[in-house]
Amino acid sequence: MTLKIHIDDSAAPYEQIRAQISEQARSGALPVGHRLPTVRGLAESLGLAANTVAKAYRALETDGVIETRGRNGTLIAAAGSAAEREAASAAQAYAERVRRLGLTESDALAAVGDALRAAYTAG
């Protein structure tokens, strides 16, 4: 696992950790079941406070990217299962909302496309 914190980056260090681990898990560089370093161990290797790493791990767990198994450590979670469920739920809620607002399917899809382009080009 390779992580680099860029001090001059506008993103907070915990967000940089979260984004890098998430991307490495998504790309397969960190395979399902890969054991991550302890919070203290990663904090020491990156020169950060343990609370910063703990915050990143909590966010990754909420996103379904990692899972903590007590004494067995923190592992990369099964690919996308929680993330896919959350995305499907958000998509369903969006579809219902735009229908209530009276948008056409093409207008709703255009709005999603704009939002996705903005999200993926911002980082």
N, C-alpha and C. Protein backbone atom coordinates (compact mmCIF):
# COMPACT_ATOMS: atom_id res chain seq x y z
N MET A 1 0.85 -1.17 0.00
CA MET A 1 0.00 0.00 0.00
C MET A 1 0.89 1.23 0.00
N THR A 2 0.63 2.11 -0.93
CA THR A 2 1.42 3.34 -1.03
C THR A 2 0.50 4.53 -0.85
N LEU A 3 0.78 5.32 0.18
CA LEU A 3 0.01 6.54 0.42
C LEU A 3 0.98 7.70 0.54
N LYS A 4 0.57 8.84 -0.01
CA LYS A 4 1.38 10.05 0.10
C LYS A 4 0.47 11.20 0.49
N ILE A 5 0.88 11.94 1.49
CA ILE A 5 0.14 13.11 1.93
C ILE A 5 0.85 14.34 1.37
N HIS A 6 0.08 15.17 0.69
CA HIS A 6 0.63 16.38 0.09
C HIS A 6 0.19 17.57 0.94
N ILE A 7 1.15 18.18 1.61
CA ILE A 7 0.87 19.29 2.52
C ILE A 7 0.23 20.46 1.78
N ASP A 8 0.63 20.72 0.53
CA ASP A 8 0.10 21.85 -0.22
C ASP A 8 -1.25 21.56 -0.88
N ASP A 9 -1.77 20.36 -0.72
CA ASP A 9 -3.06 19.98 -1.28
C ASP A 9 -4.16 20.66 -0.47
N SER A 10 -5.22 21.11 -1.14
CA SER A 10 -6.32 21.75 -0.42
C SER A 10 -7.15 20.75 0.38
N ALA A 11 -7.06 19.47 0.03
CA ALA A 11 -7.81 18.44 0.76
C ALA A 11 -7.11 18.14 2.09
N ALA A 12 -7.91 17.95 3.12
CA ALA A 12 -7.37 17.63 4.44
C ALA A 12 -6.65 16.28 4.39
N PRO A 13 -5.63 16.08 5.24
CA PRO A 13 -4.90 14.80 5.23
C PRO A 13 -5.80 13.57 5.36
N TYR A 14 -6.82 13.62 6.24
CA TYR A 14 -7.68 12.45 6.39
C TYR A 14 -8.42 12.16 5.09
N GLU A 15 -8.81 13.22 4.35
CA GLU A 15 -9.52 13.05 3.08
C GLU A 15 -8.57 12.48 2.02
N GLN A 16 -7.31 12.88 2.05
CA GLN A 16 -6.32 12.32 1.12
C GLN A 16 -6.15 10.82 1.38
N ILE A 17 -6.08 10.44 2.66
CA ILE A 17 -5.96 9.01 3.00
C ILE A 17 -7.19 8.27 2.51
N ARG A 18 -8.37 8.80 2.81
CA ARG A 18 -9.63 8.16 2.41
C ARG A 18 -9.69 7.98 0.90
N ALA A 19 -9.38 9.02 0.16
CA ALA A 19 -9.45 8.97 -1.30
C ALA A 19 -8.45 7.98 -1.88
N GLN A 20 -7.23 7.97 -1.35
CA GLN A 20 -6.20 7.08 -1.88
C GLN A 20 -6.51 5.61 -1.60
N ILE A 21 -6.94 5.30 -0.39
CA ILE A 21 -7.28 3.91 -0.07
C ILE A 21 -8.49 3.47 -0.88
N SER A 22 -9.47 4.34 -0.99
CA SER A 22 -10.67 4.02 -1.77
C SER A 22 -10.32 3.74 -3.22
N GLU A 23 -9.48 4.56 -3.81
CA GLU A 23 -9.08 4.37 -5.21
C GLU A 23 -8.27 3.09 -5.38
N GLN A 24 -7.35 2.81 -4.45
CA GLN A 24 -6.55 1.59 -4.55
C GLN A 24 -7.40 0.35 -4.37
N ALA A 25 -8.44 0.43 -3.54
CA ALA A 25 -9.36 -0.71 -3.38
C ALA A 25 -10.18 -0.89 -4.65
N ARG A 26 -10.66 0.21 -5.22
CA ARG A 26 -11.48 0.14 -6.44
C ARG A 26 -10.67 -0.40 -7.62
N SER A 27 -9.40 -0.01 -7.72
CA SER A 27 -8.56 -0.43 -8.85
C SER A 27 -8.04 -1.85 -8.70
N GLY A 28 -8.14 -2.40 -7.49
CA GLY A 28 -7.62 -3.74 -7.25
C GLY A 28 -6.19 -3.75 -6.73
N ALA A 29 -5.58 -2.57 -6.62
CA ALA A 29 -4.23 -2.50 -6.06
C ALA A 29 -4.23 -2.99 -4.61
N LEU A 30 -5.33 -2.77 -3.92
CA LEU A 30 -5.55 -3.33 -2.59
C LEU A 30 -6.69 -4.34 -2.74
N PRO A 31 -6.38 -5.62 -2.80
CA PRO A 31 -7.42 -6.63 -3.04
C PRO A 31 -8.33 -6.84 -1.84
N VAL A 32 -9.49 -7.40 -2.08
CA VAL A 32 -10.42 -7.73 -1.01
C VAL A 32 -9.69 -8.61 0.01
N GLY A 33 -9.86 -8.28 1.28
CA GLY A 33 -9.23 -9.04 2.35
C GLY A 33 -7.85 -8.54 2.74
N HIS A 34 -7.28 -7.60 1.96
CA HIS A 34 -5.96 -7.06 2.30
C HIS A 34 -6.04 -6.38 3.66
N ARG A 35 -5.10 -6.71 4.52
CA ARG A 35 -5.08 -6.13 5.86
C ARG A 35 -4.35 -4.79 5.84
N LEU A 36 -5.03 -3.77 6.33
CA LEU A 36 -4.44 -2.43 6.40
C LEU A 36 -3.61 -2.28 7.66
N PRO A 37 -2.68 -1.34 7.66
CA PRO A 37 -1.89 -1.09 8.88
C PRO A 37 -2.81 -0.61 10.01
N THR A 38 -2.35 -0.75 11.22
CA THR A 38 -3.10 -0.21 12.36
C THR A 38 -3.16 1.31 12.22
N VAL A 39 -4.09 1.90 12.92
CA VAL A 39 -4.21 3.36 12.91
C VAL A 39 -2.89 3.99 13.34
N ARG A 40 -2.34 3.50 14.44
CA ARG A 40 -1.07 4.06 14.94
C ARG A 40 0.07 3.83 13.97
N GLY A 41 0.12 2.62 13.40
CA GLY A 41 1.19 2.31 12.48
C GLY A 41 1.17 3.20 11.24
N LEU A 42 -0.01 3.39 10.68
CA LEU A 42 -0.12 4.25 9.49
C LEU A 42 0.16 5.70 9.84
N ALA A 43 -0.33 6.14 11.00
CA ALA A 43 -0.08 7.51 11.43
C ALA A 43 1.41 7.78 11.56
N GLU A 44 2.11 6.84 12.18
CA GLU A 44 3.57 6.99 12.34
C GLU A 44 4.27 7.04 11.00
N SER A 45 3.89 6.14 10.08
CA SER A 45 4.58 6.10 8.79
C SER A 45 4.31 7.34 7.95
N LEU A 46 3.17 7.99 8.16
CA LEU A 46 2.83 9.19 7.40
C LEU A 46 3.17 10.48 8.14
N GLY A 47 3.58 10.36 9.40
CA GLY A 47 3.89 11.54 10.20
C GLY A 47 2.65 12.34 10.56
N LEU A 48 1.55 11.64 10.82
CA LEU A 48 0.28 12.29 11.16
C LEU A 48 -0.18 11.87 12.54
N ALA A 49 -1.15 12.58 13.07
CA ALA A 49 -1.76 12.20 14.34
C ALA A 49 -2.63 10.97 14.13
N ALA A 50 -2.69 10.12 15.13
CA ALA A 50 -3.51 8.91 15.04
C ALA A 50 -4.98 9.25 14.80
N ASN A 51 -5.46 10.35 15.37
CA ASN A 51 -6.86 10.75 15.16
C ASN A 51 -7.16 11.05 13.69
N THR A 52 -6.18 11.55 12.95
CA THR A 52 -6.37 11.84 11.53
C THR A 52 -6.60 10.54 10.76
N VAL A 53 -5.79 9.55 11.03
CA VAL A 53 -5.94 8.24 10.36
C VAL A 53 -7.24 7.58 10.81
N ALA A 54 -7.55 7.66 12.09
CA ALA A 54 -8.79 7.07 12.61
C ALA A 54 -10.01 7.68 11.92
N LYS A 55 -9.98 8.98 11.68
CA LYS A 55 -11.09 9.66 11.00
C LYS A 55 -11.23 9.13 9.57
N ALA A 56 -10.11 8.92 8.89
CA ALA A 56 -10.14 8.38 7.52
C ALA A 56 -10.69 6.96 7.53
N TYR A 57 -10.24 6.14 8.46
CA TYR A 57 -10.72 4.76 8.55
C TYR A 57 -12.22 4.72 8.83
N ARG A 58 -12.71 5.62 9.72
CA ARG A 58 -14.16 5.66 10.01
C ARG A 58 -14.94 6.01 8.75
N ALA A 59 -14.45 6.98 7.97
CA ALA A 59 -15.12 7.37 6.73
C ALA A 59 -15.12 6.22 5.73
N LEU A 60 -13.99 5.52 5.62
CA LEU A 60 -13.90 4.38 4.70
C LEU A 60 -14.83 3.25 5.13
N GLU A 61 -14.97 3.06 6.43
CA GLU A 61 -15.87 2.01 6.91
C GLU A 61 -17.32 2.39 6.61
N THR A 62 -17.66 3.65 6.80
CA THR A 62 -19.00 4.14 6.48
C THR A 62 -19.29 3.96 4.99
N ASP A 63 -18.27 4.19 4.16
CA ASP A 63 -18.42 4.04 2.70
C ASP A 63 -18.46 2.59 2.26
N GLY A 64 -18.16 1.65 3.17
CA GLY A 64 -18.16 0.24 2.82
C GLY A 64 -16.89 -0.23 2.13
N VAL A 65 -15.84 0.59 2.16
CA VAL A 65 -14.58 0.24 1.51
C VAL A 65 -13.77 -0.70 2.39
N ILE A 66 -13.81 -0.47 3.71
CA ILE A 66 -13.07 -1.32 4.64
C ILE A 66 -14.02 -1.84 5.71
N GLU A 67 -13.57 -2.87 6.41
CA GLU A 67 -14.30 -3.37 7.56
C GLU A 67 -13.31 -3.69 8.67
N THR A 68 -13.71 -3.39 9.88
CA THR A 68 -12.87 -3.65 11.04
C THR A 68 -13.37 -4.90 11.73
N ARG A 69 -12.45 -5.81 11.99
CA ARG A 69 -12.80 -7.09 12.61
C ARG A 69 -12.09 -7.26 13.94
N GLY A 70 -12.18 -6.26 14.77
CA GLY A 70 -11.59 -6.33 16.11
C GLY A 70 -10.13 -6.69 16.09
N ARG A 71 -9.77 -7.77 16.77
CA ARG A 71 -8.37 -8.20 16.86
C ARG A 71 -7.80 -8.67 15.52
N ASN A 72 -8.67 -8.99 14.57
CA ASN A 72 -8.21 -9.42 13.25
C ASN A 72 -7.82 -8.27 12.35
N GLY A 73 -8.03 -7.05 12.82
CA GLY A 73 -7.58 -5.89 12.08
C GLY A 73 -8.61 -5.29 11.14
N THR A 74 -8.13 -4.40 10.31
CA THR A 74 -8.95 -3.67 9.35
C THR A 74 -8.60 -4.17 7.96
N LEU A 75 -9.62 -4.59 7.23
CA LEU A 75 -9.43 -5.21 5.91
C LEU A 75 -10.20 -4.49 4.83
N ILE A 76 -9.74 -4.65 3.59
CA ILE A 76 -10.50 -4.15 2.45
C ILE A 76 -11.75 -5.02 2.34
N ALA A 77 -12.91 -4.37 2.26
CA ALA A 77 -14.19 -5.08 2.24
C ALA A 77 -14.46 -5.68 0.86
N ALA A 78 -15.42 -6.59 0.83
CA ALA A 78 -15.84 -7.21 -0.43
C ALA A 78 -16.19 -6.10 -1.42
N ALA A 79 -15.70 -6.24 -2.62
CA ALA A 79 -15.78 -5.20 -3.65
C ALA A 79 -17.17 -4.63 -3.84
N GLY A 80 -17.30 -3.41 -3.43
CA GLY A 80 -18.46 -2.62 -3.78
C GLY A 80 -19.80 -2.98 -3.20
N SER A 81 -19.94 -4.06 -2.45
CA SER A 81 -21.27 -4.48 -2.03
C SER A 81 -22.01 -3.37 -1.31
N ALA A 82 -21.43 -2.79 -0.27
CA ALA A 82 -22.11 -1.72 0.46
C ALA A 82 -22.22 -0.47 -0.39
N ALA A 83 -21.17 -0.16 -1.13
CA ALA A 83 -21.20 1.04 -1.97
C ALA A 83 -22.25 0.91 -3.06
N GLU A 84 -22.36 -0.28 -3.66
CA GLU A 84 -23.36 -0.47 -4.71
C GLU A 84 -24.77 -0.36 -4.16
N ARG A 85 -25.00 -0.90 -2.97
CA ARG A 85 -26.34 -0.79 -2.36
C ARG A 85 -26.68 0.67 -2.07
N GLU A 86 -25.71 1.41 -1.54
CA GLU A 86 -25.95 2.82 -1.23
C GLU A 86 -26.20 3.62 -2.50
N ALA A 87 -25.43 3.34 -3.55
CA ALA A 87 -25.63 4.04 -4.83
C ALA A 87 -27.00 3.73 -5.41
N ALA A 88 -27.42 2.47 -5.34
CA ALA A 88 -28.75 2.10 -5.86
C ALA A 88 -29.84 2.79 -5.08
N SER A 89 -29.69 2.89 -3.78
CA SER A 89 -30.68 3.57 -2.95
C SER A 89 -30.74 5.06 -3.29
N ALA A 90 -29.58 5.68 -3.46
CA ALA A 90 -29.54 7.10 -3.82
C ALA A 90 -30.15 7.33 -5.20
N ALA A 91 -29.88 6.43 -6.13
CA ALA A 91 -30.44 6.55 -7.48
C ALA A 91 -31.96 6.44 -7.44
N GLN A 92 -32.47 5.51 -6.64
CA GLN A 92 -33.92 5.33 -6.52
C GLN A 92 -34.57 6.59 -5.94
N ALA A 93 -33.96 7.14 -4.90
CA ALA A 93 -34.49 8.36 -4.29
C ALA A 93 -34.47 9.52 -5.28
N TYR A 94 -33.39 9.62 -6.06
CA TYR A 94 -33.29 10.67 -7.08
C TYR A 94 -34.38 10.50 -8.14
N ALA A 95 -34.56 9.28 -8.61
CA ALA A 95 -35.57 9.02 -9.64
C ALA A 95 -36.96 9.42 -9.15
N GLU A 96 -37.28 9.07 -7.93
CA GLU A 96 -38.59 9.44 -7.38
C GLU A 96 -38.73 10.94 -7.23
N ARG A 97 -37.66 11.59 -6.80
CA ARG A 97 -37.71 13.05 -6.60
C ARG A 97 -37.89 13.80 -7.92
N VAL A 98 -37.12 13.44 -8.95
CA VAL A 98 -37.24 14.18 -10.22
C VAL A 98 -38.60 13.91 -10.89
N ARG A 99 -39.14 12.72 -10.67
CA ARG A 99 -40.48 12.42 -11.21
C ARG A 99 -41.51 13.33 -10.53
N ARG A 100 -41.41 13.46 -9.20
CA ARG A 100 -42.33 14.35 -8.46
C ARG A 100 -42.18 15.80 -8.91
N LEU A 101 -40.95 16.19 -9.25
CA LEU A 101 -40.69 17.56 -9.72
C LEU A 101 -41.16 17.80 -11.15
N GLY A 102 -41.51 16.73 -11.84
CA GLY A 102 -42.02 16.86 -13.20
C GLY A 102 -40.95 16.93 -14.29
N LEU A 103 -39.71 16.56 -13.96
CA LEU A 103 -38.66 16.56 -14.98
C LEU A 103 -38.84 15.39 -15.93
N THR A 104 -38.44 15.59 -17.16
CA THR A 104 -38.46 14.48 -18.12
C THR A 104 -37.27 13.57 -17.81
N GLU A 105 -37.33 12.36 -18.34
CA GLU A 105 -36.23 11.42 -18.13
C GLU A 105 -34.93 11.99 -18.70
N SER A 106 -34.99 12.62 -19.87
CA SER A 106 -33.77 13.16 -20.47
C SER A 106 -33.21 14.32 -19.65
N ASP A 107 -34.08 15.16 -19.07
CA ASP A 107 -33.59 16.25 -18.22
C ASP A 107 -32.96 15.70 -16.93
N ALA A 108 -33.57 14.65 -16.38
CA ALA A 108 -33.02 14.03 -15.17
C ALA A 108 -31.66 13.40 -15.44
N LEU A 109 -31.55 12.71 -16.58
CA LEU A 109 -30.27 12.10 -16.95
C LEU A 109 -29.20 13.16 -17.22
N ALA A 110 -29.60 14.26 -17.83
CA ALA A 110 -28.65 15.35 -18.10
C ALA A 110 -28.12 15.93 -16.79
N ALA A 111 -29.02 16.09 -15.81
CA ALA A 111 -28.60 16.62 -14.51
C ALA A 111 -27.61 15.68 -13.83
N VAL A 112 -27.86 14.37 -13.91
CA VAL A 112 -26.95 13.39 -13.33
C VAL A 112 -25.60 13.44 -14.04
N GLY A 113 -25.63 13.50 -15.36
CA GLY A 113 -24.38 13.58 -16.13
C GLY A 113 -23.55 14.79 -15.74
N ASP A 114 -24.21 15.95 -15.60
CA ASP A 114 -23.50 17.17 -15.20
C ASP A 114 -22.89 17.01 -13.80
N ALA A 115 -23.67 16.44 -12.88
CA ALA A 115 -23.19 16.26 -11.51
C ALA A 115 -22.00 15.29 -11.46
N LEU A 116 -22.09 14.20 -12.21
CA LEU A 116 -21.00 13.22 -12.22
C LEU A 116 -19.74 13.81 -12.84
N ARG A 117 -19.89 14.54 -13.94
CA ARG A 117 -18.71 15.17 -14.55
C ARG A 117 -18.05 16.13 -13.58
N ALA A 118 -18.86 16.93 -12.89
CA ALA A 118 -18.31 17.89 -11.92
C ALA A 118 -17.60 17.16 -10.78
N ALA A 119 -18.20 16.09 -10.28
CA ALA A 119 -17.62 15.35 -9.16
C ALA A 119 -16.31 14.68 -9.54
N TYR A 120 -16.26 14.11 -10.74
CA TYR A 120 -15.07 13.34 -11.12
C TYR A 120 -13.95 14.20 -11.69
N THR A 121 -14.25 15.42 -12.07
CA THR A 121 -13.17 16.29 -12.55
C THR A 121 -12.68 17.22 -11.45
N ALA A 122 -13.42 17.31 -10.34
CA ALA A 122 -13.03 18.20 -9.24
C ALA A 122 -11.83 17.64 -8.47
N GLY A 123 -11.65 16.34 -8.46
CA GLY A 123 -10.58 15.77 -7.63
C GLY A 123 -9.54 15.23 -8.46
